[in-house]
């Protein structure tokens, strides 16, 4: 908020005889009306997110560091597609960078498992599911 606007509003209140409480209430009401008009509107693109179709649970069962730059992760993966009564389980192995922060490592594992499951469903079962409709839970 610009200092000129606040200064002008202060000068306007200086010439009016009202209690401090009433002045603060009036000033608060003016600010409540003025501030939302200046805030950018949130994008509406995320409001129509489709729910997941496939649910995946992943457990890292073993970690092996072949070098100081990477980890090899062995994972057990359980897959459930409730609407068609499909379920499966896998044991997969992936190599991840050792310099990833924990949240980035979890995101990389989840993205890699999503891609793996989507490809496996398509290749082995003929089921097409976009990777963004697969929910991954890391245990």
C-alpha atoms as a PDB file:
ATOM      1  CA  UNK A   1       0.000   0.000   0.000  1.00  0.00           C
ATOM      2  CA  UNK A   2       1.473   3.367  -0.920  1.00  0.00           C
ATOM      3  CA  UNK A   3       2.383   5.800   1.823  1.00  0.00           C
ATOM      4  CA  UNK A   4       0.543   8.619  -0.003  1.00  0.00           C
ATOM      5  CA  UNK A   5      -2.774   6.747   0.233  1.00  0.00           C
ATOM      6  CA  UNK A   6      -2.319   6.108   3.957  1.00  0.00           C
ATOM      7  CA  UNK A   7      -1.277   9.727   4.500  1.00  0.00           C
ATOM      8  CA  UNK A   8      -4.340  11.010   2.619  1.00  0.00           C
ATOM      9  CA  UNK A   9      -6.620   8.755   4.643  1.00  0.00           C
ATOM     10  CA  UNK A  10      -4.991   9.922   7.897  1.00  0.00           C
ATOM     11  CA  UNK A  11      -5.488  13.576   6.904  1.00  0.00           C
ATOM     12  CA  UNK A  12      -9.131  12.889   6.101  1.00  0.00           C
ATOM     13  CA  UNK A  13      -9.687  11.434   9.571  1.00  0.00           C
ATOM     14  CA  UNK A  14      -7.854  14.317  11.273  1.00  0.00           C
ATOM     15  CA  UNK A  15     -10.629  16.801  10.375  1.00  0.00           C
ATOM     16  CA  UNK A  16     -13.506  14.536  11.459  1.00  0.00           C
ATOM     17  CA  UNK A  17     -14.547  14.134  15.059  1.00  0.00           C
ATOM     18  CA  UNK A  18     -15.070  10.432  15.701  1.00  0.00           C
ATOM     19  CA  UNK A  19     -13.884   8.047  18.347  1.00  0.00           C
ATOM     20  CA  UNK A  20     -10.707   6.084  17.726  1.00  0.00           C
ATOM     21  CA  UNK A  21     -12.653   2.837  17.699  1.00  0.00           C
ATOM     22  CA  UNK A  22     -15.059   4.096  15.027  1.00  0.00           C
ATOM     23  CA  UNK A  23     -12.158   5.499  12.996  1.00  0.00           C
ATOM     24  CA  UNK A  24     -10.307   2.178  13.126  1.00  0.00           C
ATOM     25  CA  UNK A  25     -13.451   0.299  12.140  1.00  0.00           C
ATOM     26  CA  UNK A  26     -14.002   2.645   9.193  1.00  0.00           C
ATOM     27  CA  UNK A  27     -10.360   2.462   8.159  1.00  0.00           C
ATOM     28  CA  UNK A  28     -10.434  -1.348   8.430  1.00  0.00           C
ATOM     29  CA  UNK A  29     -13.570  -1.478   6.291  1.00  0.00           C
ATOM     30  CA  UNK A  30     -11.975   0.718   3.641  1.00  0.00           C
ATOM     31  CA  UNK A  31      -8.847  -1.461   3.611  1.00  0.00           C
ATOM     32  CA  UNK A  32     -10.914  -4.653   3.440  1.00  0.00           C
ATOM     33  CA  UNK A  33     -12.635  -3.351   0.327  1.00  0.00           C
ATOM     34  CA  UNK A  34      -9.521  -1.840  -1.292  1.00  0.00           C
ATOM     35  CA  UNK A  35      -6.956  -4.609  -0.766  1.00  0.00           C
ATOM     36  CA  UNK A  36      -8.772  -7.568  -2.423  1.00  0.00           C
ATOM     37  CA  UNK A  37      -9.270  -5.488  -5.562  1.00  0.00           C
ATOM     38  CA  UNK A  38      -5.501  -5.084  -5.863  1.00  0.00           C
ATOM     39  CA  UNK A  39      -4.640  -8.769  -5.322  1.00  0.00           C
ATOM     40  CA  UNK A  40      -4.218 -10.929  -8.433  1.00  0.00           C
ATOM     41  CA  UNK A  41      -6.932 -13.514  -8.994  1.00  0.00           C
ATOM     42  CA  UNK A  42      -5.946 -17.148  -8.557  1.00  0.00           C
ATOM     43  CA  UNK A  43      -5.781 -19.208 -11.708  1.00  0.00           C
ATOM     44  CA  UNK A  44      -8.758 -21.514 -12.098  1.00  0.00           C
ATOM     45  CA  UNK A  45      -6.864 -24.263 -13.925  1.00  0.00           C
ATOM     46  CA  UNK A  46      -6.363 -26.486 -10.868  1.00  0.00           C
ATOM     47  CA  UNK A  47     -10.042 -26.628  -9.931  1.00  0.00           C
ATOM     48  CA  UNK A  48     -10.889 -29.473 -12.284  1.00  0.00           C
ATOM     49  CA  UNK A  49      -8.264 -32.010 -11.218  1.00  0.00           C
ATOM     50  CA  UNK A  50      -9.388 -35.527 -12.076  1.00  0.00           C
ATOM     51  CA  UNK A  51      -9.237 -38.134  -9.305  1.00  0.00           C
ATOM     52  CA  UNK A  52      -6.694 -40.961  -9.487  1.00  0.00           C
ATOM     53  CA  UNK A  53      -7.641 -44.229 -11.144  1.00  0.00           C
ATOM     54  CA  UNK A  54      -4.722 -46.356  -9.978  1.00  0.00           C
ATOM     55  CA  UNK A  55      -3.314 -46.454  -6.454  1.00  0.00           C
ATOM     56  CA  UNK A  56       0.277 -47.463  -5.766  1.00  0.00           C
ATOM     57  CA  UNK A  57       2.085 -48.147  -2.487  1.00  0.00           C
ATOM     58  CA  UNK A  58       5.892 -48.127  -2.551  1.00  0.00           C
ATOM     59  CA  UNK A  59       8.356 -49.306   0.072  1.00  0.00           C
ATOM     60  CA  UNK A  60      12.098 -48.873  -0.328  1.00  0.00           C
ATOM     61  CA  UNK A  61      13.438 -52.237   0.792  1.00  0.00           C
ATOM     62  CA  UNK A  62      17.169 -51.767   0.209  1.00  0.00           C
ATOM     63  CA  UNK A  63      19.556 -48.921  -0.543  1.00  0.00           C
ATOM     64  CA  UNK A  64      22.971 -49.462  -2.054  1.00  0.00           C
ATOM     65  CA  UNK A  65      25.410 -46.586  -2.756  1.00  0.00           C
ATOM     66  CA  UNK A  66      27.652 -47.741  -5.649  1.00  0.00           C
ATOM     67  CA  UNK A  67      29.438 -44.352  -5.581  1.00  0.00           C
ATOM     68  CA  UNK A  68      29.302 -41.083  -3.681  1.00  0.00           C
ATOM     69  CA  UNK A  69      27.086 -39.640  -6.449  1.00  0.00           C
ATOM     70  CA  UNK A  70      24.204 -42.121  -6.550  1.00  0.00           C
ATOM     71  CA  UNK A  71      21.995 -44.549  -4.674  1.00  0.00           C
ATOM     72  CA  UNK A  72      20.500 -47.723  -6.065  1.00  0.00           C
ATOM     73  CA  UNK A  73      17.063 -48.193  -4.512  1.00  0.00           C
ATOM     74  CA  UNK A  74      15.297 -51.552  -4.422  1.00  0.00           C
ATOM     75  CA  UNK A  75      11.546 -51.061  -4.041  1.00  0.00           C
ATOM     76  CA  UNK A  76       8.476 -53.192  -3.486  1.00  0.00           C
ATOM     77  CA  UNK A  77       5.508 -51.776  -5.393  1.00  0.00           C
ATOM     78  CA  UNK A  78       1.850 -52.709  -4.925  1.00  0.00           C
ATOM     79  CA  UNK A  79      -0.682 -51.608  -7.554  1.00  0.00           C
ATOM     80  CA  UNK A  80      -4.489 -51.485  -7.300  1.00  0.00           C
ATOM     81  CA  UNK A  81      -6.934 -50.368 -10.003  1.00  0.00           C
ATOM     82  CA  UNK A  82     -10.284 -50.673  -8.141  1.00  0.00           C
ATOM     83  CA  UNK A  83     -12.684 -49.866 -10.988  1.00  0.00           C
ATOM     84  CA  UNK A  84     -11.569 -52.925 -12.984  1.00  0.00           C
ATOM     85  CA  UNK A  85     -10.576 -55.097  -9.997  1.00  0.00           C
ATOM     86  CA  UNK A  86      -6.923 -55.186 -11.086  1.00  0.00           C
ATOM     87  CA  UNK A  87      -4.017 -55.668  -8.680  1.00  0.00           C
ATOM     88  CA  UNK A  88      -0.357 -56.499  -9.085  1.00  0.00           C
ATOM     89  CA  UNK A  89       2.967 -56.199  -7.315  1.00  0.00           C
ATOM     90  CA  UNK A  90       6.488 -55.569  -8.536  1.00  0.00           C
ATOM     91  CA  UNK A  91      10.020 -55.413  -7.253  1.00  0.00           C
ATOM     92  CA  UNK A  92      11.914 -52.711  -9.081  1.00  0.00           C
ATOM     93  CA  UNK A  93      15.342 -51.129  -8.877  1.00  0.00           C
ATOM     94  CA  UNK A  94      16.126 -47.492  -9.660  1.00  0.00           C
ATOM     95  CA  UNK A  95      19.238 -45.314  -9.504  1.00  0.00           C
ATOM     96  CA  UNK A  96      18.846 -41.853  -7.961  1.00  0.00           C
ATOM     97  CA  UNK A  97      21.315 -39.032  -7.368  1.00  0.00           C
ATOM     98  CA  UNK A  98      22.781 -38.922  -3.867  1.00  0.00           C
ATOM     99  CA  UNK A  99      22.702 -35.114  -3.800  1.00  0.00           C
ATOM    100  CA  UNK A 100      18.890 -34.841  -3.899  1.00  0.00           C
ATOM    101  CA  UNK A 101      17.190 -33.256  -0.905  1.00  0.00           C
ATOM    102  CA  UNK A 102      14.628 -35.544   0.824  1.00  0.00           C
ATOM    103  CA  UNK A 103      11.549 -33.905  -0.734  1.00  0.00           C
ATOM    104  CA  UNK A 104      13.138 -33.987  -4.210  1.00  0.00           C
ATOM    105  CA  UNK A 105      14.155 -37.624  -3.743  1.00  0.00           C
ATOM    106  CA  UNK A 106      10.586 -38.574  -2.734  1.00  0.00           C
ATOM    107  CA  UNK A 107       9.215 -36.674  -5.754  1.00  0.00           C
ATOM    108  CA  UNK A 108      11.725 -38.398  -8.072  1.00  0.00           C
ATOM    109  CA  UNK A 109      10.800 -41.835  -6.679  1.00  0.00           C
ATOM    110  CA  UNK A 110       7.071 -41.105  -7.062  1.00  0.00           C
ATOM    111  CA  UNK A 111       7.476 -39.798 -10.637  1.00  0.00           C
ATOM    112  CA  UNK A 112       9.644 -42.767 -11.635  1.00  0.00           C
ATOM    113  CA  UNK A 113       7.191 -45.271 -10.141  1.00  0.00           C
ATOM    114  CA  UNK A 114       4.247 -43.520 -11.866  1.00  0.00           C
ATOM    115  CA  UNK A 115       5.985 -43.812 -15.229  1.00  0.00           C
ATOM    116  CA  UNK A 116       6.964 -47.434 -14.576  1.00  0.00           C
ATOM    117  CA  UNK A 117       3.444 -48.467 -13.538  1.00  0.00           C
ATOM    118  CA  UNK A 118       1.816 -46.625 -16.477  1.00  0.00           C
ATOM    119  CA  UNK A 119       4.221 -48.318 -18.914  1.00  0.00           C
ATOM    120  CA  UNK A 120       3.788 -51.738 -17.327  1.00  0.00           C
ATOM    121  CA  UNK A 121      -0.006 -51.504 -17.338  1.00  0.00           C
ATOM    122  CA  UNK A 122       0.064 -50.536 -21.025  1.00  0.00           C
ATOM    123  CA  UNK A 123       2.705 -53.048 -22.088  1.00  0.00           C
ATOM    124  CA  UNK A 124       1.721 -56.141 -20.116  1.00  0.00           C
ATOM    125  CA  UNK A 125      -2.010 -55.684 -19.552  1.00  0.00           C
ATOM    126  CA  UNK A 126      -3.124 -53.387 -22.367  1.00  0.00           C
ATOM    127  CA  UNK A 127      -4.525 -50.893 -19.843  1.00  0.00           C
ATOM    128  CA  UNK A 128      -3.940 -47.236 -20.695  1.00  0.00           C
ATOM    129  CA  UNK A 129      -3.729 -44.924 -17.686  1.00  0.00           C
ATOM    130  CA  UNK A 130      -2.098 -41.480 -17.835  1.00  0.00           C
ATOM    131  CA  UNK A 131       0.685 -41.111 -15.260  1.00  0.00           C
ATOM    132  CA  UNK A 132      -1.091 -38.124 -13.662  1.00  0.00           C
ATOM    133  CA  UNK A 133      -4.056 -40.367 -12.779  1.00  0.00           C
ATOM    134  CA  UNK A 134      -1.826 -42.652 -10.675  1.00  0.00           C
ATOM    135  CA  UNK A 135      -1.597 -41.875  -6.952  1.00  0.00           C
ATOM    136  CA  UNK A 136       1.666 -42.960  -5.303  1.00  0.00           C
ATOM    137  CA  UNK A 137       2.090 -43.402  -1.549  1.00  0.00           C
ATOM    138  CA  UNK A 138       5.639 -43.825  -0.250  1.00  0.00           C
ATOM    139  CA  UNK A 139       5.781 -45.997   2.868  1.00  0.00           C
END
